[in-house]
Amino acid sequence: MKYDSIVITGHQRTGTHYIAAVICTNFLNTKDYIAHYKNHSLPKTVKNNNIAYIYTWRDFNSVAKSLFNSRKTFGLNNVNNFESFLKSRYCDMWNPIEHAGVNVLDLQGNHRLDNYISHYFKSFKHTPEEWWTLYHKKWDVASKNKSNVIKVSYNDLINNFDNSMFNLSIKLDSTTKSFKNITDTVGWYV
């Protein structure tokens, strides 16, 4: 591999935990994907040319549905239906209340129930689609300007795993040509 390390990030609910687990299993030979997972960073995190910065991508409708279903985790309680969620700005939906928690599972099989409320969207003056579009445009620009910024599609991995992993292997200049998928749930799930 031509990079010293890999960093994985992406918009919320784009399969970042799954993609980080798959990448770390196949290219870094580790189950500790959290060490390479950098939450939902923007391209300003790209500072080292010897690190591959992988950002995850997923279609807006799937992301929006997943965000809506897990909205309590994000403190987005001032909305009762999906249509209102799509039209509202994140800051207007912000109303953190205690919740029963979400399941968190890693590759080692460690499971916990977490009632943490993310403050990420607290002051965003964007609707879900506006923020999703802005987030991905920033990363798309970064990927055009820096060869070590690599886009990985959750949808492509699910629909054509081997081909997607082979293309990623080429971008990483890795000798890995046989890939293992992750079939167990990892990350945060309701």
N, C-alpha and C. Protein backbone atom coordinates (compact mmCIF):
# COMPACT_ATOMS: atom_id res chain seq x y z
N MET A 1 0.85 -1.17 0.00
CA MET A 1 0.00 0.00 0.00
C MET A 1 0.90 1.24 0.00
N LYS A 2 0.52 2.23 -0.77
CA LYS A 2 1.38 3.41 -0.89
C LYS A 2 1.18 4.43 0.22
N TYR A 3 0.21 4.20 1.11
CA TYR A 3 -0.04 5.13 2.20
C TYR A 3 0.39 4.54 3.53
N ASP A 4 0.81 5.41 4.44
CA ASP A 4 1.25 4.96 5.77
C ASP A 4 0.06 4.55 6.64
N SER A 5 -1.08 5.14 6.37
CA SER A 5 -2.26 4.85 7.18
C SER A 5 -3.52 5.22 6.40
N ILE A 6 -4.66 4.92 6.99
CA ILE A 6 -5.96 5.22 6.40
C ILE A 6 -6.83 5.89 7.46
N VAL A 7 -7.54 6.94 7.06
CA VAL A 7 -8.52 7.61 7.90
C VAL A 7 -9.86 7.51 7.18
N ILE A 8 -10.91 7.16 7.91
CA ILE A 8 -12.24 7.00 7.31
C ILE A 8 -13.21 7.94 7.99
N THR A 9 -13.99 8.65 7.19
CA THR A 9 -14.99 9.59 7.70
C THR A 9 -16.19 9.58 6.76
N GLY A 10 -17.22 10.28 7.11
CA GLY A 10 -18.38 10.39 6.23
C GLY A 10 -19.55 11.04 6.94
N HIS A 11 -20.52 11.42 6.16
CA HIS A 11 -21.76 11.99 6.67
C HIS A 11 -22.44 10.95 7.57
N GLN A 12 -23.17 11.42 8.56
CA GLN A 12 -23.88 10.52 9.46
C GLN A 12 -24.78 9.58 8.65
N ARG A 13 -24.87 8.35 9.10
CA ARG A 13 -25.77 7.31 8.56
C ARG A 13 -25.42 6.94 7.12
N THR A 14 -24.14 7.03 6.76
CA THR A 14 -23.71 6.61 5.42
C THR A 14 -22.97 5.28 5.44
N GLY A 15 -23.05 4.57 6.55
CA GLY A 15 -22.36 3.29 6.63
C GLY A 15 -20.90 3.42 7.00
N THR A 16 -20.54 4.50 7.68
CA THR A 16 -19.13 4.73 7.99
C THR A 16 -18.53 3.62 8.86
N HIS A 17 -19.28 3.13 9.84
CA HIS A 17 -18.74 2.05 10.69
C HIS A 17 -18.53 0.78 9.87
N TYR A 18 -19.51 0.43 9.06
CA TYR A 18 -19.39 -0.76 8.21
C TYR A 18 -18.20 -0.62 7.25
N ILE A 19 -18.12 0.51 6.57
CA ILE A 19 -17.04 0.72 5.60
C ILE A 19 -15.68 0.73 6.31
N ALA A 20 -15.60 1.39 7.46
CA ALA A 20 -14.34 1.40 8.21
C ALA A 20 -13.96 -0.02 8.62
N ALA A 21 -14.93 -0.81 9.06
CA ALA A 21 -14.66 -2.20 9.45
C ALA A 21 -14.18 -3.03 8.27
N VAL A 22 -14.81 -2.87 7.12
CA VAL A 22 -14.41 -3.61 5.92
C VAL A 22 -13.00 -3.21 5.48
N ILE A 23 -12.72 -1.93 5.47
CA ILE A 23 -11.40 -1.44 5.04
C ILE A 23 -10.31 -1.91 5.99
N CYS A 24 -10.54 -1.76 7.28
CA CYS A 24 -9.52 -2.17 8.26
C CYS A 24 -9.29 -3.67 8.24
N THR A 25 -10.34 -4.45 8.07
CA THR A 25 -10.20 -5.90 7.99
C THR A 25 -9.39 -6.31 6.78
N ASN A 26 -9.65 -5.71 5.64
CA ASN A 26 -9.03 -6.14 4.40
C ASN A 26 -7.68 -5.50 4.09
N PHE A 27 -7.50 -4.25 4.47
CA PHE A 27 -6.26 -3.56 4.08
C PHE A 27 -5.30 -3.30 5.23
N LEU A 28 -5.78 -3.31 6.46
CA LEU A 28 -4.90 -3.02 7.60
C LEU A 28 -4.78 -4.21 8.55
N ASN A 29 -5.50 -5.30 8.24
CA ASN A 29 -5.43 -6.52 9.04
C ASN A 29 -5.68 -6.26 10.53
N THR A 30 -6.72 -5.46 10.80
CA THR A 30 -7.09 -5.18 12.19
C THR A 30 -8.60 -5.10 12.32
N LYS A 31 -9.07 -5.50 13.48
CA LYS A 31 -10.50 -5.36 13.79
C LYS A 31 -10.77 -4.05 14.51
N ASP A 32 -9.71 -3.36 14.90
CA ASP A 32 -9.86 -2.09 15.63
C ASP A 32 -10.07 -0.94 14.65
N TYR A 33 -11.22 -0.95 13.99
CA TYR A 33 -11.50 0.07 12.99
C TYR A 33 -11.73 1.45 13.62
N ILE A 34 -12.11 1.49 14.88
CA ILE A 34 -12.36 2.78 15.55
C ILE A 34 -11.09 3.64 15.57
N ALA A 35 -9.93 3.01 15.59
CA ALA A 35 -8.67 3.77 15.58
C ALA A 35 -8.49 4.55 14.28
N HIS A 36 -9.19 4.14 13.23
CA HIS A 36 -9.06 4.80 11.92
C HIS A 36 -10.31 5.59 11.54
N TYR A 37 -11.32 5.51 12.38
CA TYR A 37 -12.60 6.17 12.13
C TYR A 37 -12.60 7.56 12.74
N LYS A 38 -12.84 8.58 11.93
CA LYS A 38 -12.76 9.96 12.41
C LYS A 38 -14.11 10.67 12.36
N ASN A 39 -15.16 9.97 12.74
CA ASN A 39 -16.50 10.52 12.82
C ASN A 39 -16.94 11.16 11.52
N HIS A 40 -17.32 12.43 11.55
CA HIS A 40 -17.97 13.05 10.40
C HIS A 40 -17.22 14.33 10.00
N SER A 41 -15.93 14.19 9.88
CA SER A 41 -15.06 15.31 9.59
C SER A 41 -15.30 15.89 8.20
N LEU A 42 -14.91 17.13 8.06
CA LEU A 42 -14.91 17.80 6.76
C LEU A 42 -13.49 17.74 6.18
N PRO A 43 -13.31 18.08 4.92
CA PRO A 43 -11.99 17.94 4.28
C PRO A 43 -10.85 18.72 4.92
N LYS A 44 -11.14 19.65 5.80
CA LYS A 44 -10.04 20.38 6.47
C LYS A 44 -9.16 19.42 7.27
N THR A 45 -9.65 18.21 7.51
CA THR A 45 -8.87 17.20 8.23
C THR A 45 -7.75 16.62 7.36
N VAL A 46 -7.81 16.82 6.05
CA VAL A 46 -6.81 16.28 5.12
C VAL A 46 -5.55 17.14 5.21
N LYS A 47 -4.52 16.59 5.87
CA LYS A 47 -3.29 17.36 6.09
C LYS A 47 -2.02 16.61 5.73
N ASN A 48 -2.11 15.31 5.55
CA ASN A 48 -0.91 14.50 5.35
C ASN A 48 -1.04 13.71 4.05
N ASN A 49 -0.14 13.95 3.11
CA ASN A 49 -0.18 13.27 1.81
C ASN A 49 0.12 11.78 1.91
N ASN A 50 0.66 11.32 3.04
CA ASN A 50 0.98 9.90 3.20
C ASN A 50 -0.14 9.11 3.86
N ILE A 51 -1.29 9.77 4.07
CA ILE A 51 -2.47 9.11 4.63
C ILE A 51 -3.57 9.12 3.58
N ALA A 52 -4.24 7.99 3.43
CA ALA A 52 -5.41 7.92 2.55
C ALA A 52 -6.62 8.35 3.38
N TYR A 53 -7.31 9.38 2.91
CA TYR A 53 -8.52 9.88 3.56
C TYR A 53 -9.70 9.35 2.77
N ILE A 54 -10.43 8.45 3.38
CA ILE A 54 -11.57 7.83 2.71
C ILE A 54 -12.85 8.41 3.28
N TYR A 55 -13.66 8.97 2.39
CA TYR A 55 -14.95 9.45 2.85
C TYR A 55 -16.05 8.60 2.25
N THR A 56 -17.02 8.30 3.10
CA THR A 56 -18.11 7.42 2.70
C THR A 56 -19.25 8.23 2.11
N TRP A 57 -19.92 7.62 1.18
CA TRP A 57 -21.00 8.27 0.46
C TRP A 57 -22.18 7.31 0.40
N ARG A 58 -23.39 7.85 0.52
CA ARG A 58 -24.62 7.07 0.40
C ARG A 58 -25.72 8.00 -0.12
N ASP A 59 -26.65 7.45 -0.88
CA ASP A 59 -27.70 8.27 -1.46
C ASP A 59 -28.49 9.00 -0.39
N PHE A 60 -28.98 10.19 -0.73
CA PHE A 60 -29.65 11.04 0.25
C PHE A 60 -30.88 10.39 0.87
N ASN A 61 -31.73 9.76 0.07
CA ASN A 61 -32.97 9.19 0.62
C ASN A 61 -32.70 8.17 1.72
N SER A 62 -31.71 7.31 1.50
CA SER A 62 -31.37 6.32 2.53
C SER A 62 -30.81 6.98 3.78
N VAL A 63 -29.97 7.98 3.58
CA VAL A 63 -29.39 8.71 4.71
C VAL A 63 -30.50 9.42 5.50
N ALA A 64 -31.40 10.10 4.78
CA ALA A 64 -32.47 10.85 5.44
C ALA A 64 -33.38 9.92 6.25
N LYS A 65 -33.73 8.78 5.68
CA LYS A 65 -34.60 7.83 6.41
C LYS A 65 -33.90 7.31 7.66
N SER A 66 -32.63 7.02 7.53
CA SER A 66 -31.88 6.52 8.68
C SER A 66 -31.73 7.59 9.76
N LEU A 67 -31.45 8.83 9.34
CA LEU A 67 -31.36 9.93 10.30
C LEU A 67 -32.69 10.14 11.01
N PHE A 68 -33.76 10.11 10.25
CA PHE A 68 -35.08 10.31 10.85
C PHE A 68 -35.38 9.22 11.88
N ASN A 69 -35.07 7.98 11.53
CA ASN A 69 -35.34 6.86 12.44
C ASN A 69 -34.48 6.92 13.71
N SER A 70 -33.32 7.54 13.63
CA SER A 70 -32.44 7.63 14.80
C SER A 70 -32.33 9.07 15.30
N ARG A 71 -33.32 9.90 15.00
CA ARG A 71 -33.25 11.33 15.30
C ARG A 71 -33.08 11.65 16.79
N LYS A 72 -33.57 10.80 17.68
CA LYS A 72 -33.41 11.07 19.12
C LYS A 72 -31.94 11.09 19.52
N THR A 73 -31.15 10.25 18.87
CA THR A 73 -29.71 10.21 19.13
C THR A 73 -29.04 11.52 18.75
N PHE A 74 -29.62 12.23 17.79
CA PHE A 74 -29.06 13.50 17.32
C PHE A 74 -29.77 14.70 17.95
N GLY A 75 -30.67 14.47 18.91
CA GLY A 75 -31.38 15.55 19.57
C GLY A 75 -32.40 16.24 18.69
N LEU A 76 -32.84 15.56 17.65
CA LEU A 76 -33.77 16.16 16.68
C LEU A 76 -35.20 15.73 16.99
N ASN A 77 -35.74 16.30 18.04
CA ASN A 77 -37.04 15.86 18.55
C ASN A 77 -38.19 16.81 18.23
N ASN A 78 -37.92 17.94 17.63
CA ASN A 78 -38.98 18.89 17.28
C ASN A 78 -39.56 18.58 15.90
N VAL A 79 -39.75 17.32 15.60
CA VAL A 79 -40.32 16.91 14.32
C VAL A 79 -40.97 15.54 14.53
N ASN A 80 -42.16 15.37 13.97
CA ASN A 80 -42.91 14.15 14.21
C ASN A 80 -43.04 13.24 13.00
N ASN A 81 -42.84 13.78 11.81
CA ASN A 81 -42.99 12.93 10.63
C ASN A 81 -41.87 13.22 9.63
N PHE A 82 -41.70 12.29 8.73
CA PHE A 82 -40.58 12.35 7.79
C PHE A 82 -40.66 13.58 6.88
N GLU A 83 -41.85 13.96 6.44
CA GLU A 83 -42.00 15.12 5.57
C GLU A 83 -41.54 16.40 6.27
N SER A 84 -41.91 16.54 7.54
CA SER A 84 -41.47 17.70 8.32
C SER A 84 -39.96 17.68 8.53
N PHE A 85 -39.43 16.49 8.76
CA PHE A 85 -37.98 16.33 8.92
C PHE A 85 -37.25 16.85 7.68
N LEU A 86 -37.71 16.48 6.52
CA LEU A 86 -37.05 16.88 5.28
C LEU A 86 -37.08 18.39 5.05
N LYS A 87 -38.13 19.05 5.50
CA LYS A 87 -38.31 20.48 5.25
C LYS A 87 -37.71 21.37 6.34
N SER A 88 -37.40 20.80 7.49
CA SER A 88 -36.94 21.59 8.64
C SER A 88 -35.43 21.74 8.66
N ARG A 89 -34.98 22.86 9.22
CA ARG A 89 -33.55 23.05 9.44
C ARG A 89 -33.16 22.26 10.70
N TYR A 90 -31.95 21.76 10.72
CA TYR A 90 -31.51 20.99 11.88
C TYR A 90 -31.64 21.79 13.18
N CYS A 91 -31.25 23.05 13.17
CA CYS A 91 -31.31 23.85 14.40
C CYS A 91 -32.74 24.00 14.91
N ASP A 92 -33.72 23.99 14.01
CA ASP A 92 -35.11 24.10 14.42
C ASP A 92 -35.65 22.78 14.97
N MET A 93 -35.04 21.68 14.58
CA MET A 93 -35.45 20.37 15.10
C MET A 93 -34.79 20.05 16.43
N TRP A 94 -33.73 20.80 16.78
CA TRP A 94 -32.93 20.51 17.96
C TRP A 94 -33.74 20.67 19.24
N ASN A 95 -33.88 19.62 19.98
CA ASN A 95 -34.55 19.59 21.27
C ASN A 95 -34.16 18.29 21.96
N PRO A 96 -32.97 18.26 22.57
CA PRO A 96 -32.49 17.01 23.15
C PRO A 96 -33.31 16.55 24.35
N ILE A 97 -33.71 15.32 24.32
CA ILE A 97 -34.40 14.71 25.44
C ILE A 97 -33.81 13.33 25.67
N GLU A 98 -33.88 12.87 26.90
CA GLU A 98 -33.37 11.54 27.20
C GLU A 98 -34.10 10.50 26.36
N HIS A 99 -33.36 9.46 25.98
CA HIS A 99 -33.95 8.37 25.21
C HIS A 99 -33.43 7.04 25.73
N ALA A 100 -34.06 5.98 25.29
CA ALA A 100 -33.72 4.64 25.78
C ALA A 100 -32.34 4.19 25.35
N GLY A 101 -31.76 4.83 24.37
CA GLY A 101 -30.42 4.49 23.92
C GLY A 101 -30.42 3.76 22.59
N VAL A 102 -29.24 3.70 22.01
CA VAL A 102 -29.03 2.97 20.76
C VAL A 102 -27.99 1.90 21.01
N ASN A 103 -28.06 0.86 20.24
CA ASN A 103 -27.08 -0.23 20.33
C ASN A 103 -25.81 0.17 19.62
N VAL A 104 -24.68 -0.18 20.20
CA VAL A 104 -23.38 0.05 19.58
C VAL A 104 -22.63 -1.27 19.62
N LEU A 105 -22.17 -1.71 18.46
CA LEU A 105 -21.49 -3.00 18.36
C LEU A 105 -20.23 -2.84 17.52
N ASP A 106 -19.10 -3.37 18.00
CA ASP A 106 -17.86 -3.31 17.22
C ASP A 106 -17.50 -4.70 16.69
N LEU A 107 -16.41 -4.77 15.94
CA LEU A 107 -16.01 -6.03 15.31
C LEU A 107 -15.57 -7.10 16.30
N GLN A 108 -15.15 -6.68 17.48
CA GLN A 108 -14.76 -7.66 18.50
C GLN A 108 -15.96 -8.26 19.21
N GLY A 109 -17.17 -7.80 18.85
CA GLY A 109 -18.37 -8.30 19.48
C GLY A 109 -18.76 -7.55 20.74
N ASN A 110 -18.05 -6.47 21.05
CA ASN A 110 -18.39 -5.66 22.21
C ASN A 110 -19.68 -4.90 21.93
N HIS A 111 -20.65 -5.04 22.82
CA HIS A 111 -21.95 -4.40 22.66
C HIS A 111 -22.22 -3.51 23.85
N ARG A 112 -22.79 -2.36 23.59
CA ARG A 112 -23.23 -1.49 24.66
C ARG A 112 -24.46 -0.73 24.23
N LEU A 113 -25.22 -0.28 25.18
CA LEU A 113 -26.37 0.58 24.93
C LEU A 113 -25.94 1.99 25.31
N ASP A 114 -26.06 2.92 24.37
CA ASP A 114 -25.56 4.27 24.59
C ASP A 114 -26.71 5.27 24.47
N ASN A 115 -26.89 6.09 25.50
CA ASN A 115 -27.94 7.11 25.45
C ASN A 115 -27.37 8.50 25.18
N TYR A 116 -26.18 8.53 24.62
CA TYR A 116 -25.53 9.77 24.24
C TYR A 116 -26.37 10.52 23.21
N ILE A 117 -26.40 11.84 23.33
CA ILE A 117 -27.08 12.69 22.35
C ILE A 117 -26.01 13.53 21.66
N SER A 118 -25.86 13.35 20.36
CA SER A 118 -24.89 14.10 19.58
C SER A 118 -25.33 15.56 19.46
N HIS A 119 -24.39 16.46 19.58
CA HIS A 119 -24.66 17.90 19.42
C HIS A 119 -24.28 18.38 18.02
N TYR A 120 -23.93 17.46 17.15
CA TYR A 120 -23.41 17.80 15.82
C TYR A 120 -24.31 18.77 15.07
N PHE A 121 -25.60 18.51 15.04
CA PHE A 121 -26.52 19.31 14.23
C PHE A 121 -27.14 20.50 14.97
N LYS A 122 -26.78 20.69 16.21
CA LYS A 122 -27.43 21.66 17.09
C LYS A 122 -27.62 23.04 16.45
N SER A 123 -26.61 23.56 15.81
CA SER A 123 -26.71 24.93 15.28
C SER A 123 -26.67 24.99 13.75
N PHE A 124 -26.90 23.88 13.09
CA PHE A 124 -26.89 23.88 11.62
C PHE A 124 -28.15 24.54 11.09
N LYS A 125 -27.97 25.53 10.24
CA LYS A 125 -29.09 26.24 9.65
C LYS A 125 -29.44 25.68 8.27
N HIS A 126 -29.25 24.38 8.12
CA HIS A 126 -29.51 23.68 6.85
C HIS A 126 -30.58 22.62 7.06
N THR A 127 -31.33 22.35 6.01
CA THR A 127 -32.22 21.19 6.03
C THR A 127 -31.34 19.96 5.83
N PRO A 128 -31.87 18.77 6.08
CA PRO A 128 -31.05 17.57 5.86
C PRO A 128 -30.46 17.48 4.45
N GLU A 129 -31.24 17.77 3.42
CA GLU A 129 -30.71 17.66 2.06
C GLU A 129 -29.69 18.75 1.76
N GLU A 130 -29.91 19.95 2.27
CA GLU A 130 -28.94 21.03 2.06
C GLU A 130 -27.59 20.66 2.67
N TRP A 131 -27.61 20.14 3.91
CA TRP A 131 -26.35 19.76 4.56
C TRP A 131 -25.70 18.58 3.86
N TRP A 132 -26.48 17.56 3.49
CA TRP A 132 -25.95 16.38 2.79
C TRP A 132 -25.26 16.83 1.50
N THR A 133 -25.90 17.71 0.75
CA THR A 133 -25.34 18.20 -0.51
C THR A 133 -24.05 18.98 -0.27
N LEU A 134 -24.07 19.89 0.69
CA LEU A 134 -22.89 20.69 1.01
C LEU A 134 -21.73 19.81 1.47
N TYR A 135 -22.01 18.86 2.33
CA TYR A 135 -20.98 17.96 2.86
C TYR A 135 -20.29 17.22 1.72
N HIS A 136 -21.08 16.62 0.85
CA HIS A 136 -20.50 15.83 -0.24
C HIS A 136 -19.82 16.68 -1.30
N LYS A 137 -20.31 17.88 -1.53
CA LYS A 137 -19.62 18.78 -2.48
C LYS A 137 -18.23 19.11 -1.97
N LYS A 138 -18.12 19.39 -0.68
CA LYS A 138 -16.80 19.72 -0.11
C LYS A 138 -15.83 18.54 -0.29
N TRP A 139 -16.31 17.32 -0.01
CA TRP A 139 -15.44 16.16 -0.17
C TRP A 139 -15.15 15.86 -1.64
N ASP A 140 -16.11 16.08 -2.52
CA ASP A 140 -15.87 15.87 -3.95
C ASP A 140 -14.79 16.82 -4.47
N VAL A 141 -14.83 18.06 -4.04
CA VAL A 141 -13.80 19.03 -4.42
C VAL A 141 -12.44 18.56 -3.90
N ALA A 142 -12.40 18.13 -2.67
CA ALA A 142 -11.14 17.65 -2.08
C ALA A 142 -10.60 16.45 -2.86
N SER A 143 -11.49 15.55 -3.28
CA SER A 143 -11.03 14.35 -4.00
C SER A 143 -10.50 14.71 -5.39
N LYS A 144 -10.97 15.80 -5.96
CA LYS A 144 -10.46 16.24 -7.28
C LYS A 144 -9.11 16.93 -7.13
N ASN A 145 -8.86 17.52 -5.97
CA ASN A 145 -7.62 18.26 -5.74
C ASN A 145 -6.50 17.43 -5.11
N LYS A 146 -6.86 16.32 -4.48
CA LYS A 146 -5.84 15.51 -3.79
C LYS A 146 -6.08 14.03 -4.10
N SER A 147 -5.05 13.38 -4.59
CA SER A 147 -5.17 11.97 -4.97
C SER A 147 -5.34 11.05 -3.77
N ASN A 148 -5.03 11.51 -2.56
CA ASN A 148 -5.15 10.66 -1.38
C ASN A 148 -6.53 10.78 -0.71
N VAL A 149 -7.46 11.51 -1.34
CA VAL A 149 -8.84 11.57 -0.88
C VAL A 149 -9.65 10.65 -1.78
N ILE A 150 -10.24 9.64 -1.18
CA ILE A 150 -10.91 8.57 -1.94
C ILE A 150 -12.36 8.43 -1.49
N LYS A 151 -13.25 8.44 -2.45
CA LYS A 151 -14.68 8.30 -2.19
C LYS A 151 -15.06 6.82 -2.26
N VAL A 152 -15.78 6.34 -1.25
CA VAL A 152 -16.27 4.95 -1.23
C VAL A 152 -17.78 4.99 -1.03
N SER A 153 -18.49 4.36 -1.93
CA SER A 153 -19.95 4.35 -1.89
C SER A 153 -20.47 3.14 -1.12
N TYR A 154 -21.27 3.40 -0.11
CA TYR A 154 -21.94 2.34 0.64
C TYR A 154 -22.82 1.52 -0.31
N ASN A 155 -23.57 2.20 -1.16
CA ASN A 155 -24.47 1.51 -2.09
C ASN A 155 -23.69 0.56 -3.00
N ASP A 156 -22.54 1.02 -3.51
CA ASP A 156 -21.73 0.17 -4.38
C ASP A 156 -21.18 -1.04 -3.63
N LEU A 157 -20.73 -0.82 -2.40
CA LEU A 157 -20.22 -1.96 -1.62
C LEU A 157 -21.30 -3.01 -1.39
N ILE A 158 -22.50 -2.57 -1.09
CA ILE A 158 -23.60 -3.50 -0.85
C ILE A 158 -23.99 -4.23 -2.14
N ASN A 159 -24.03 -3.51 -3.25
CA ASN A 159 -24.51 -4.09 -4.51
C ASN A 159 -23.44 -4.81 -5.33
N ASN A 160 -22.18 -4.43 -5.16
CA ASN A 160 -21.10 -5.03 -5.95
C ASN A 160 -19.81 -5.01 -5.13
N PHE A 161 -19.81 -5.78 -4.07
CA PHE A 161 -18.74 -5.75 -3.08
C PHE A 161 -17.35 -5.99 -3.69
N ASP A 162 -17.16 -7.10 -4.39
CA ASP A 162 -15.82 -7.44 -4.88
C ASP A 162 -15.27 -6.41 -5.85
N ASN A 163 -16.09 -5.92 -6.76
CA ASN A 163 -15.63 -4.92 -7.72
C ASN A 163 -15.28 -3.61 -7.02
N SER A 164 -16.11 -3.20 -6.06
CA SER A 164 -15.84 -1.97 -5.31
C SER A 164 -14.54 -2.08 -4.52
N MET A 165 -14.34 -3.22 -3.88
CA MET A 165 -13.12 -3.41 -3.10
C MET A 165 -11.89 -3.50 -4.00
N PHE A 166 -12.03 -4.11 -5.16
CA PHE A 166 -10.91 -4.18 -6.10
C PHE A 166 -10.52 -2.77 -6.56
N ASN A 167 -11.51 -1.93 -6.86
CA ASN A 167 -11.23 -0.55 -7.27
C ASN A 167 -10.55 0.23 -6.14
N LEU A 168 -10.99 0.01 -4.92
CA LEU A 168 -10.35 0.66 -3.78
C LEU A 168 -8.91 0.16 -3.62
N SER A 169 -8.70 -1.12 -3.81
CA SER A 169 -7.36 -1.70 -3.72
C SER A 169 -6.41 -1.03 -4.72
N ILE A 170 -6.89 -0.79 -5.91
CA ILE A 170 -6.09 -0.11 -6.93
C ILE A 170 -5.73 1.31 -6.47
N LYS A 171 -6.71 2.05 -5.94
CA LYS A 171 -6.48 3.43 -5.49
C LYS A 171 -5.50 3.48 -4.32
N LEU A 172 -5.52 2.44 -3.49
CA LEU A 172 -4.60 2.38 -2.35
C LEU A 172 -3.24 1.80 -2.74
N ASP A 173 -3.15 1.30 -3.98
CA ASP A 173 -1.95 0.61 -4.46
C ASP A 173 -1.62 -0.57 -3.54
N SER A 174 -2.67 -1.33 -3.22
CA SER A 174 -2.54 -2.47 -2.34
C SER A 174 -2.39 -3.75 -3.15
N THR A 175 -1.72 -4.72 -2.57
CA THR A 175 -1.58 -6.03 -3.22
C THR A 175 -2.76 -6.94 -2.89
N THR A 176 -3.64 -6.50 -2.01
CA THR A 176 -4.81 -7.29 -1.62
C THR A 176 -5.76 -7.42 -2.80
N LYS A 177 -6.09 -8.65 -3.17
CA LYS A 177 -6.98 -8.89 -4.32
C LYS A 177 -8.15 -9.81 -3.96
N SER A 178 -8.15 -10.31 -2.73
CA SER A 178 -9.25 -11.16 -2.25
C SER A 178 -9.81 -10.48 -1.01
N PHE A 179 -11.12 -10.36 -0.94
CA PHE A 179 -11.72 -9.51 0.08
C PHE A 179 -12.76 -10.25 0.91
N LYS A 180 -12.80 -9.89 2.19
CA LYS A 180 -13.77 -10.47 3.12
C LYS A 180 -14.79 -9.39 3.50
N ASN A 181 -16.07 -9.71 3.32
CA ASN A 181 -17.12 -8.77 3.68
C ASN A 181 -17.45 -8.93 5.17
N ILE A 182 -18.04 -7.92 5.74
CA ILE A 182 -18.51 -7.94 7.13
C ILE A 182 -20.01 -8.19 7.06
N THR A 183 -20.46 -9.28 7.62
CA THR A 183 -21.89 -9.60 7.56
C THR A 183 -22.62 -9.26 8.86
N ASP A 184 -21.88 -9.10 9.95
CA ASP A 184 -22.49 -8.74 11.22
C ASP A 184 -22.70 -7.23 11.29
N THR A 185 -23.68 -6.80 12.02
CA THR A 185 -23.93 -5.38 12.23
C THR A 185 -22.80 -4.79 13.04
N VAL A 186 -22.30 -3.64 12.61
CA VAL A 186 -21.32 -2.88 13.39
C VAL A 186 -21.78 -1.43 13.44
N GLY A 187 -21.35 -0.73 14.46
CA GLY A 187 -21.70 0.67 14.60
C GLY A 187 -22.93 0.89 15.44
N TRP A 188 -23.60 2.01 15.18
CA TRP A 188 -24.76 2.44 15.94
C TRP A 188 -26.02 2.02 15.21
N TYR A 189 -26.92 1.37 15.91
CA TYR A 189 -28.19 1.00 15.27
C TYR A 189 -29.32 1.04 16.29
N VAL A 190 -30.49 1.41 15.79
CA VAL A 190 -31.68 1.51 16.64
C VAL A 190 -32.31 0.14 16.77
